[in-house]
């Protein structure tokens, strides 16, 4: 078991969900986090080069799942930095939906100046500007994630497992 899993293990019984937020790289810390995870949500900036990087991340997730942690699954992809005014971001999102189908969350996080402002302030957007579109989008994402998990639990109960 990886060191990070040993650190988290005593906490598992006390929490319904433990989120591990990783930097956007495929280094050792990210692989360790994947090894400890049951599921992964992949935030994807709606840019062409970010889309190309998803293929490498999917390979890494598949390797970790097959070699280290069979319980690891892709919970979904989250489109971020979306700007509906540009053809480029609309095309990237369409490509993601075409390639990953129902694994793509319906919630989309749009580009806004409030995100960098909240980062500079050192506060989450939901506290920094709780009525902003960004804060509302993240609350909607939370509802969608919980709904998907609930649906997965129901399917598991119906089909056994």
N, C-alpha and C. Protein backbone atom coordinates (compact mmCIF):
# COMPACT_ATOMS: atom_id res chain seq x y z
N UNK A 1 0.84 -1.18 0.00
CA UNK A 1 0.00 0.00 0.00
C UNK A 1 0.88 1.24 0.00
N UNK A 2 0.48 2.24 -0.75
CA UNK A 2 1.25 3.47 -0.84
C UNK A 2 1.16 4.24 0.47
N UNK A 3 2.19 5.06 0.74
CA UNK A 3 2.24 5.83 1.98
C UNK A 3 0.99 6.69 2.15
N UNK A 4 0.56 7.29 1.09
CA UNK A 4 -0.61 8.17 1.19
C UNK A 4 -1.84 7.39 1.62
N UNK A 5 -1.98 6.16 1.15
CA UNK A 5 -3.12 5.34 1.54
C UNK A 5 -3.05 5.02 3.03
N UNK A 6 -1.86 4.78 3.53
CA UNK A 6 -1.71 4.50 4.96
C UNK A 6 -2.10 5.72 5.78
N UNK A 7 -1.80 6.90 5.27
CA UNK A 7 -2.15 8.13 5.97
C UNK A 7 -3.66 8.33 5.97
N UNK A 8 -4.31 8.03 4.87
CA UNK A 8 -5.75 8.25 4.76
C UNK A 8 -6.58 7.15 5.43
N UNK A 9 -6.06 5.95 5.50
CA UNK A 9 -6.84 4.81 5.99
C UNK A 9 -7.54 5.06 7.33
N UNK A 10 -6.88 5.64 8.32
CA UNK A 10 -7.57 5.87 9.59
C UNK A 10 -8.74 6.86 9.49
N UNK A 11 -8.78 7.66 8.43
CA UNK A 11 -9.82 8.68 8.28
C UNK A 11 -11.04 8.18 7.51
N UNK A 12 -10.90 7.10 6.78
CA UNK A 12 -11.94 6.65 5.86
C UNK A 12 -13.27 6.45 6.57
N UNK A 13 -13.28 5.87 7.75
CA UNK A 13 -14.53 5.60 8.46
C UNK A 13 -15.24 6.88 8.92
N UNK A 14 -14.50 7.97 9.04
CA UNK A 14 -15.07 9.22 9.55
C UNK A 14 -15.68 10.11 8.47
N UNK A 15 -15.47 9.78 7.19
CA UNK A 15 -15.92 10.64 6.11
C UNK A 15 -16.67 9.85 5.05
N UNK A 16 -17.65 10.51 4.45
CA UNK A 16 -18.35 9.92 3.31
C UNK A 16 -17.50 10.04 2.05
N UNK A 17 -16.79 11.16 1.93
CA UNK A 17 -16.00 11.45 0.75
C UNK A 17 -14.69 12.11 1.18
N UNK A 18 -13.59 11.68 0.59
CA UNK A 18 -12.31 12.35 0.77
C UNK A 18 -11.85 12.77 -0.61
N UNK A 19 -11.68 14.07 -0.81
CA UNK A 19 -11.22 14.60 -2.09
C UNK A 19 -9.73 14.84 -2.04
N UNK A 20 -9.04 14.38 -3.05
CA UNK A 20 -7.61 14.63 -3.19
C UNK A 20 -7.44 15.46 -4.45
N UNK A 21 -7.07 16.71 -4.27
CA UNK A 21 -6.91 17.63 -5.39
C UNK A 21 -5.45 17.63 -5.81
N UNK A 22 -5.19 17.23 -7.04
CA UNK A 22 -3.81 17.11 -7.53
C UNK A 22 -3.49 18.21 -8.53
N UNK A 23 -2.22 18.52 -8.62
CA UNK A 23 -1.79 19.45 -9.65
C UNK A 23 -1.93 18.77 -11.02
N UNK A 24 -2.03 19.56 -12.07
CA UNK A 24 -2.25 18.98 -13.40
C UNK A 24 -0.96 18.41 -14.01
N UNK A 25 -0.46 17.36 -13.40
CA UNK A 25 0.71 16.68 -13.94
C UNK A 25 0.58 15.20 -13.62
N UNK A 26 1.39 14.40 -14.28
CA UNK A 26 1.33 12.95 -14.05
C UNK A 26 2.53 12.48 -13.26
N UNK A 27 2.88 13.21 -12.22
CA UNK A 27 4.02 12.85 -11.39
C UNK A 27 3.65 11.81 -10.35
N UNK A 28 4.61 11.52 -9.49
CA UNK A 28 4.46 10.50 -8.47
C UNK A 28 3.31 10.79 -7.51
N UNK A 29 3.13 12.05 -7.13
CA UNK A 29 2.04 12.38 -6.21
C UNK A 29 0.68 12.09 -6.83
N UNK A 30 0.53 12.39 -8.11
CA UNK A 30 -0.74 12.11 -8.78
C UNK A 30 -0.98 10.61 -8.89
N UNK A 31 0.05 9.85 -9.23
CA UNK A 31 -0.09 8.39 -9.31
C UNK A 31 -0.44 7.83 -7.95
N UNK A 32 0.19 8.32 -6.86
CA UNK A 32 -0.15 7.87 -5.52
C UNK A 32 -1.60 8.20 -5.18
N UNK A 33 -2.04 9.40 -5.54
CA UNK A 33 -3.44 9.77 -5.28
C UNK A 33 -4.38 8.85 -6.04
N UNK A 34 -4.07 8.55 -7.29
CA UNK A 34 -4.91 7.63 -8.07
C UNK A 34 -4.93 6.24 -7.44
N UNK A 35 -3.79 5.81 -6.92
CA UNK A 35 -3.71 4.48 -6.29
C UNK A 35 -4.59 4.40 -5.05
N UNK A 36 -4.82 5.51 -4.39
CA UNK A 36 -5.63 5.54 -3.17
C UNK A 36 -7.10 5.80 -3.45
N UNK A 37 -7.42 6.19 -4.67
CA UNK A 37 -8.77 6.64 -4.99
C UNK A 37 -9.67 5.50 -5.46
N UNK A 38 -10.95 5.69 -5.24
CA UNK A 38 -11.97 4.81 -5.82
C UNK A 38 -12.43 5.36 -7.16
N UNK A 39 -12.40 6.68 -7.29
CA UNK A 39 -12.85 7.31 -8.52
C UNK A 39 -12.07 8.58 -8.77
N UNK A 40 -12.15 9.04 -10.01
CA UNK A 40 -11.42 10.25 -10.39
C UNK A 40 -12.33 11.12 -11.25
N UNK A 41 -12.32 12.41 -10.92
CA UNK A 41 -12.99 13.42 -11.73
C UNK A 41 -11.88 14.20 -12.42
N UNK A 42 -11.94 14.25 -13.74
CA UNK A 42 -10.90 14.91 -14.52
C UNK A 42 -11.41 16.27 -14.98
N UNK A 43 -10.86 17.36 -14.40
CA UNK A 43 -11.21 18.68 -14.93
C UNK A 43 -10.45 18.89 -16.23
N UNK A 44 -11.14 19.36 -17.23
CA UNK A 44 -10.54 19.52 -18.55
C UNK A 44 -10.78 20.93 -19.06
N UNK A 45 -9.70 21.70 -19.15
CA UNK A 45 -9.80 23.03 -19.72
C UNK A 45 -10.20 22.88 -21.18
N UNK A 46 -11.14 23.67 -21.61
CA UNK A 46 -11.66 23.56 -22.97
C UNK A 46 -10.69 24.19 -23.97
N UNK A 47 -9.54 23.57 -24.10
CA UNK A 47 -8.50 23.99 -25.04
C UNK A 47 -7.97 22.73 -25.73
N UNK A 48 -7.56 22.87 -26.97
CA UNK A 48 -7.11 21.74 -27.77
C UNK A 48 -5.98 20.96 -27.09
N UNK A 49 -4.96 21.65 -26.59
CA UNK A 49 -3.82 20.95 -26.02
C UNK A 49 -4.19 20.21 -24.75
N UNK A 50 -5.12 20.75 -23.98
CA UNK A 50 -5.60 20.05 -22.79
C UNK A 50 -6.32 18.77 -23.20
N UNK A 51 -7.05 18.83 -24.28
CA UNK A 51 -7.76 17.66 -24.78
C UNK A 51 -6.77 16.57 -25.18
N UNK A 52 -5.66 16.95 -25.78
CA UNK A 52 -4.64 15.97 -26.15
C UNK A 52 -4.04 15.32 -24.91
N UNK A 53 -3.90 16.08 -23.83
CA UNK A 53 -3.33 15.55 -22.59
C UNK A 53 -4.24 14.55 -21.89
N UNK A 54 -5.53 14.61 -22.16
CA UNK A 54 -6.47 13.68 -21.53
C UNK A 54 -6.17 12.24 -21.94
N UNK A 55 -5.74 12.04 -23.16
CA UNK A 55 -5.42 10.68 -23.61
C UNK A 55 -4.32 10.07 -22.76
N UNK A 56 -3.30 10.85 -22.45
CA UNK A 56 -2.21 10.37 -21.60
C UNK A 56 -2.71 10.09 -20.18
N UNK A 57 -3.56 10.96 -19.67
CA UNK A 57 -4.11 10.74 -18.34
C UNK A 57 -4.97 9.48 -18.31
N UNK A 58 -5.76 9.24 -19.34
CA UNK A 58 -6.59 8.03 -19.40
C UNK A 58 -5.72 6.78 -19.40
N UNK A 59 -4.60 6.82 -20.11
CA UNK A 59 -3.66 5.69 -20.09
C UNK A 59 -3.14 5.46 -18.69
N UNK A 60 -2.80 6.54 -17.99
CA UNK A 60 -2.30 6.42 -16.62
C UNK A 60 -3.37 5.85 -15.70
N UNK A 61 -4.59 6.33 -15.82
CA UNK A 61 -5.69 5.80 -15.01
C UNK A 61 -5.88 4.32 -15.28
N UNK A 62 -5.85 3.92 -16.55
CA UNK A 62 -5.98 2.50 -16.91
C UNK A 62 -4.85 1.66 -16.30
N UNK A 63 -3.63 2.17 -16.35
CA UNK A 63 -2.49 1.44 -15.79
C UNK A 63 -2.62 1.30 -14.28
N UNK A 64 -2.97 2.38 -13.60
CA UNK A 64 -3.13 2.32 -12.15
C UNK A 64 -4.25 1.36 -11.79
N UNK A 65 -5.34 1.42 -12.54
CA UNK A 65 -6.48 0.54 -12.28
C UNK A 65 -6.13 -0.93 -12.48
N UNK A 66 -5.37 -1.22 -13.53
CA UNK A 66 -5.06 -2.63 -13.82
C UNK A 66 -3.91 -3.18 -12.99
N UNK A 67 -2.98 -2.32 -12.57
CA UNK A 67 -1.78 -2.81 -11.87
C UNK A 67 -1.79 -2.59 -10.37
N UNK A 68 -2.45 -1.54 -9.92
CA UNK A 68 -2.32 -1.16 -8.50
C UNK A 68 -3.66 -1.15 -7.78
N UNK A 69 -4.66 -0.56 -8.39
CA UNK A 69 -5.93 -0.30 -7.70
C UNK A 69 -7.12 -0.62 -8.59
N UNK A 70 -7.56 -1.88 -8.58
CA UNK A 70 -8.67 -2.27 -9.45
C UNK A 70 -9.98 -1.53 -9.17
N UNK A 71 -10.10 -0.92 -8.00
CA UNK A 71 -11.34 -0.21 -7.67
C UNK A 71 -11.43 1.17 -8.34
N UNK A 72 -10.33 1.64 -8.90
CA UNK A 72 -10.30 2.97 -9.51
C UNK A 72 -11.12 3.02 -10.79
N UNK A 73 -12.04 3.99 -10.85
CA UNK A 73 -12.86 4.20 -12.05
C UNK A 73 -12.88 5.68 -12.40
N UNK A 74 -13.15 5.97 -13.64
CA UNK A 74 -13.34 7.34 -14.08
C UNK A 74 -14.76 7.74 -13.74
N UNK A 75 -14.92 8.65 -12.78
CA UNK A 75 -16.26 9.13 -12.44
C UNK A 75 -16.78 10.05 -13.52
N UNK A 76 -15.92 10.89 -14.07
CA UNK A 76 -16.37 11.77 -15.12
C UNK A 76 -15.36 12.83 -15.49
N UNK A 77 -15.65 13.51 -16.58
CA UNK A 77 -14.84 14.63 -17.04
C UNK A 77 -15.64 15.90 -16.86
N UNK A 78 -14.97 16.93 -16.37
CA UNK A 78 -15.60 18.21 -16.10
C UNK A 78 -14.99 19.27 -17.01
N UNK A 79 -15.80 19.85 -17.86
CA UNK A 79 -15.34 20.91 -18.75
C UNK A 79 -15.18 22.20 -17.95
N UNK A 80 -13.96 22.79 -18.03
CA UNK A 80 -13.68 24.03 -17.30
C UNK A 80 -13.16 25.09 -18.27
N UNK A 81 -13.10 26.31 -17.78
CA UNK A 81 -12.60 27.44 -18.57
C UNK A 81 -13.37 27.57 -19.89
N UNK A 82 -14.65 27.24 -19.84
CA UNK A 82 -15.49 27.24 -21.02
C UNK A 82 -15.92 28.66 -21.35
N UNK A 83 -15.84 29.02 -22.62
CA UNK A 83 -16.28 30.33 -23.09
C UNK A 83 -17.16 30.10 -24.31
N UNK A 84 -18.46 30.18 -24.10
CA UNK A 84 -19.41 29.86 -25.17
C UNK A 84 -19.31 30.82 -26.36
N UNK A 85 -18.60 31.93 -26.19
CA UNK A 85 -18.46 32.89 -27.29
C UNK A 85 -17.45 32.44 -28.34
N UNK A 86 -16.60 31.46 -27.99
CA UNK A 86 -15.57 31.06 -28.95
C UNK A 86 -15.90 29.71 -29.58
N UNK A 87 -15.69 29.63 -30.85
CA UNK A 87 -15.91 28.39 -31.58
C UNK A 87 -14.97 27.29 -31.06
N UNK A 88 -13.75 27.68 -30.75
CA UNK A 88 -12.75 26.71 -30.28
C UNK A 88 -13.24 25.95 -29.06
N UNK A 89 -13.70 26.66 -28.02
CA UNK A 89 -14.12 25.96 -26.81
C UNK A 89 -15.38 25.13 -27.05
N UNK A 90 -16.26 25.63 -27.90
CA UNK A 90 -17.47 24.84 -28.22
C UNK A 90 -17.08 23.55 -28.95
N UNK A 91 -16.11 23.63 -29.86
CA UNK A 91 -15.66 22.44 -30.58
C UNK A 91 -14.95 21.45 -29.65
N UNK A 92 -14.14 21.97 -28.74
CA UNK A 92 -13.45 21.08 -27.79
C UNK A 92 -14.47 20.36 -26.94
N UNK A 93 -15.46 21.08 -26.40
CA UNK A 93 -16.49 20.43 -25.58
C UNK A 93 -17.26 19.40 -26.39
N UNK A 94 -17.59 19.71 -27.62
CA UNK A 94 -18.29 18.75 -28.47
C UNK A 94 -17.44 17.50 -28.70
N UNK A 95 -16.14 17.67 -28.89
CA UNK A 95 -15.24 16.53 -29.06
C UNK A 95 -15.15 15.67 -27.81
N UNK A 96 -15.15 16.31 -26.66
CA UNK A 96 -15.10 15.56 -25.39
C UNK A 96 -16.38 14.75 -25.23
N UNK A 97 -17.51 15.37 -25.49
CA UNK A 97 -18.79 14.67 -25.38
C UNK A 97 -18.86 13.52 -26.38
N UNK A 98 -18.38 13.75 -27.59
CA UNK A 98 -18.38 12.70 -28.60
C UNK A 98 -17.49 11.54 -28.18
N UNK A 99 -16.34 11.84 -27.59
CA UNK A 99 -15.40 10.79 -27.21
C UNK A 99 -15.74 10.07 -25.91
N UNK A 100 -16.36 10.78 -24.96
CA UNK A 100 -16.59 10.20 -23.64
C UNK A 100 -18.05 10.05 -23.26
N UNK A 101 -18.95 10.58 -24.09
CA UNK A 101 -20.38 10.38 -23.88
C UNK A 101 -20.87 10.77 -22.50
N UNK A 102 -21.55 9.82 -21.85
CA UNK A 102 -22.17 10.12 -20.55
C UNK A 102 -21.18 10.25 -19.41
N UNK A 103 -19.90 10.07 -19.67
CA UNK A 103 -18.88 10.32 -18.64
C UNK A 103 -18.61 11.82 -18.46
N UNK A 104 -19.09 12.63 -19.39
CA UNK A 104 -18.90 14.08 -19.31
C UNK A 104 -20.03 14.66 -18.46
N UNK A 105 -19.66 15.40 -17.43
CA UNK A 105 -20.67 16.04 -16.60
C UNK A 105 -21.44 17.07 -17.40
N UNK A 106 -22.74 17.19 -17.12
CA UNK A 106 -23.56 18.19 -17.78
C UNK A 106 -23.18 19.59 -17.30
N UNK A 107 -22.76 19.68 -16.05
CA UNK A 107 -22.31 20.95 -15.51
C UNK A 107 -21.03 21.37 -16.23
N UNK A 108 -20.98 22.62 -16.63
CA UNK A 108 -19.80 23.18 -17.29
C UNK A 108 -19.36 24.39 -16.48
N UNK A 109 -18.06 24.49 -16.22
CA UNK A 109 -17.53 25.62 -15.47
C UNK A 109 -17.03 26.66 -16.46
N UNK A 110 -17.73 27.77 -16.54
CA UNK A 110 -17.38 28.82 -17.50
C UNK A 110 -16.23 29.68 -16.99
N UNK A 111 -15.51 30.25 -17.93
CA UNK A 111 -14.41 31.16 -17.62
C UNK A 111 -14.99 32.44 -17.01
N UNK A 112 -14.37 32.89 -15.92
CA UNK A 112 -14.80 34.11 -15.27
C UNK A 112 -13.62 34.73 -14.53
N UNK A 113 -13.61 36.05 -14.41
CA UNK A 113 -12.53 36.71 -13.68
C UNK A 113 -12.65 36.49 -12.18
N UNK A 114 -13.76 36.00 -11.71
CA UNK A 114 -13.95 35.80 -10.28
C UNK A 114 -13.10 34.65 -9.75
N UNK A 115 -12.76 33.66 -10.58
CA UNK A 115 -11.92 32.56 -10.12
C UNK A 115 -10.51 33.03 -9.75
N UNK A 116 -9.81 33.75 -10.63
CA UNK A 116 -8.49 34.23 -10.22
C UNK A 116 -8.57 35.18 -9.02
N UNK A 117 -9.63 35.98 -8.95
CA UNK A 117 -9.80 36.89 -7.81
C UNK A 117 -9.92 36.09 -6.51
N UNK A 118 -10.68 35.01 -6.53
CA UNK A 118 -10.84 34.20 -5.31
C UNK A 118 -9.55 33.49 -4.96
N UNK A 119 -8.77 33.09 -5.97
CA UNK A 119 -7.47 32.46 -5.71
C UNK A 119 -6.52 33.43 -5.03
N UNK A 120 -6.49 34.66 -5.52
CA UNK A 120 -5.62 35.68 -4.91
C UNK A 120 -6.05 35.94 -3.47
N UNK A 121 -7.35 35.91 -3.22
CA UNK A 121 -7.87 36.13 -1.87
C UNK A 121 -7.67 34.90 -0.98
N UNK A 122 -7.33 33.77 -1.59
CA UNK A 122 -7.11 32.55 -0.81
C UNK A 122 -8.40 31.93 -0.30
N UNK A 123 -9.49 32.13 -1.02
CA UNK A 123 -10.78 31.61 -0.61
C UNK A 123 -11.43 30.85 -1.76
N UNK A 124 -12.22 29.83 -1.43
CA UNK A 124 -12.98 29.17 -2.49
C UNK A 124 -14.02 30.14 -3.06
N UNK A 125 -14.35 29.95 -4.29
CA UNK A 125 -15.29 30.85 -4.97
C UNK A 125 -16.64 30.87 -4.24
N UNK A 126 -17.03 29.77 -3.63
CA UNK A 126 -18.31 29.71 -2.94
C UNK A 126 -18.34 30.59 -1.69
N UNK A 127 -17.19 30.94 -1.15
CA UNK A 127 -17.12 31.87 -0.02
C UNK A 127 -16.79 33.28 -0.50
N UNK A 128 -15.89 33.37 -1.47
CA UNK A 128 -15.43 34.67 -1.98
C UNK A 128 -16.57 35.44 -2.64
N UNK A 129 -17.33 34.76 -3.48
CA UNK A 129 -18.46 35.39 -4.18
C UNK A 129 -19.56 34.34 -4.33
N UNK A 130 -20.28 34.07 -3.24
CA UNK A 130 -21.23 32.95 -3.22
C UNK A 130 -22.37 33.06 -4.21
N UNK A 131 -22.67 34.22 -4.73
CA UNK A 131 -23.76 34.35 -5.69
C UNK A 131 -23.29 34.40 -7.14
N UNK A 132 -21.99 34.25 -7.34
CA UNK A 132 -21.45 34.32 -8.70
C UNK A 132 -21.84 33.09 -9.52
N UNK A 133 -21.73 33.24 -10.83
CA UNK A 133 -22.01 32.10 -11.71
C UNK A 133 -21.05 30.94 -11.43
N UNK A 134 -19.80 31.25 -11.13
CA UNK A 134 -18.82 30.20 -10.82
C UNK A 134 -19.20 29.42 -9.58
N UNK A 135 -19.60 30.11 -8.53
CA UNK A 135 -20.02 29.44 -7.29
C UNK A 135 -21.25 28.58 -7.55
N UNK A 136 -22.19 29.13 -8.30
CA UNK A 136 -23.40 28.35 -8.62
C UNK A 136 -23.06 27.12 -9.45
N UNK A 137 -22.11 27.25 -10.37
CA UNK A 137 -21.72 26.10 -11.20
C UNK A 137 -21.11 25.00 -10.34
N UNK A 138 -20.28 25.36 -9.38
CA UNK A 138 -19.67 24.33 -8.52
C UNK A 138 -20.71 23.68 -7.60
N UNK A 139 -21.70 24.43 -7.16
CA UNK A 139 -22.78 23.81 -6.38
C UNK A 139 -23.58 22.85 -7.25
N UNK A 140 -23.82 23.24 -8.49
CA UNK A 140 -24.52 22.35 -9.42
C UNK A 140 -23.71 21.09 -9.69
N UNK A 141 -22.39 21.24 -9.83
CA UNK A 141 -21.52 20.07 -10.01
C UNK A 141 -21.64 19.14 -8.82
N UNK A 142 -21.62 19.68 -7.62
CA UNK A 142 -21.74 18.84 -6.41
C UNK A 142 -23.04 18.05 -6.44
N UNK A 143 -24.14 18.70 -6.81
CA UNK A 143 -25.43 17.98 -6.92
C UNK A 143 -25.36 16.88 -7.97
N UNK A 144 -24.73 17.18 -9.11
CA UNK A 144 -24.64 16.18 -10.18
C UNK A 144 -23.77 15.00 -9.77
N UNK A 145 -22.65 15.26 -9.11
CA UNK A 145 -21.78 14.18 -8.64
C UNK A 145 -22.55 13.30 -7.66
N UNK A 146 -23.21 13.91 -6.69
CA UNK A 146 -23.97 13.13 -5.70
C UNK A 146 -25.07 12.31 -6.37
N UNK A 147 -25.73 12.90 -7.36
CA UNK A 147 -26.79 12.17 -8.08
C UNK A 147 -26.20 10.95 -8.80
N UNK A 148 -25.08 11.13 -9.46
CA UNK A 148 -24.44 10.00 -10.17
C UNK A 148 -24.02 8.91 -9.20
N UNK A 149 -23.46 9.31 -8.05
CA UNK A 149 -23.05 8.31 -7.07
C UNK A 149 -24.26 7.55 -6.54
N UNK A 150 -25.35 8.28 -6.31
CA UNK A 150 -26.58 7.64 -5.83
C UNK A 150 -27.10 6.65 -6.88
N UNK A 151 -27.09 7.06 -8.15
CA UNK A 151 -27.52 6.17 -9.23
C UNK A 151 -26.64 4.92 -9.29
N UNK A 152 -25.33 5.10 -9.14
CA UNK A 152 -24.40 3.96 -9.17
C UNK A 152 -24.68 3.01 -8.01
N UNK A 153 -24.97 3.57 -6.83
CA UNK A 153 -25.30 2.73 -5.67
C UNK A 153 -26.58 1.94 -5.91
N UNK A 154 -27.58 2.60 -6.54
CA UNK A 154 -28.84 1.90 -6.85
C UNK A 154 -28.61 0.75 -7.84
N UNK A 155 -27.80 1.02 -8.87
CA UNK A 155 -27.50 -0.03 -9.86
C UNK A 155 -26.77 -1.18 -9.22
N UNK A 156 -25.86 -0.87 -8.32
CA UNK A 156 -25.11 -1.91 -7.62
C UNK A 156 -26.05 -2.76 -6.77
N UNK A 157 -26.98 -2.10 -6.11
CA UNK A 157 -27.94 -2.83 -5.26
C UNK A 157 -28.86 -3.71 -6.11
N UNK A 158 -29.27 -3.22 -7.26
CA UNK A 158 -30.17 -3.98 -8.13
C UNK A 158 -29.45 -5.16 -8.79
N UNK A 159 -28.24 -4.92 -9.27
CA UNK A 159 -27.52 -5.94 -10.01
C UNK A 159 -26.58 -6.77 -9.13
N UNK A 160 -26.46 -6.39 -7.88
CA UNK A 160 -25.57 -7.12 -6.98
C UNK A 160 -24.13 -6.79 -7.27
N UNK A 161 -23.30 -6.98 -6.30
CA UNK A 161 -21.90 -6.69 -6.57
C UNK A 161 -21.18 -6.36 -5.39
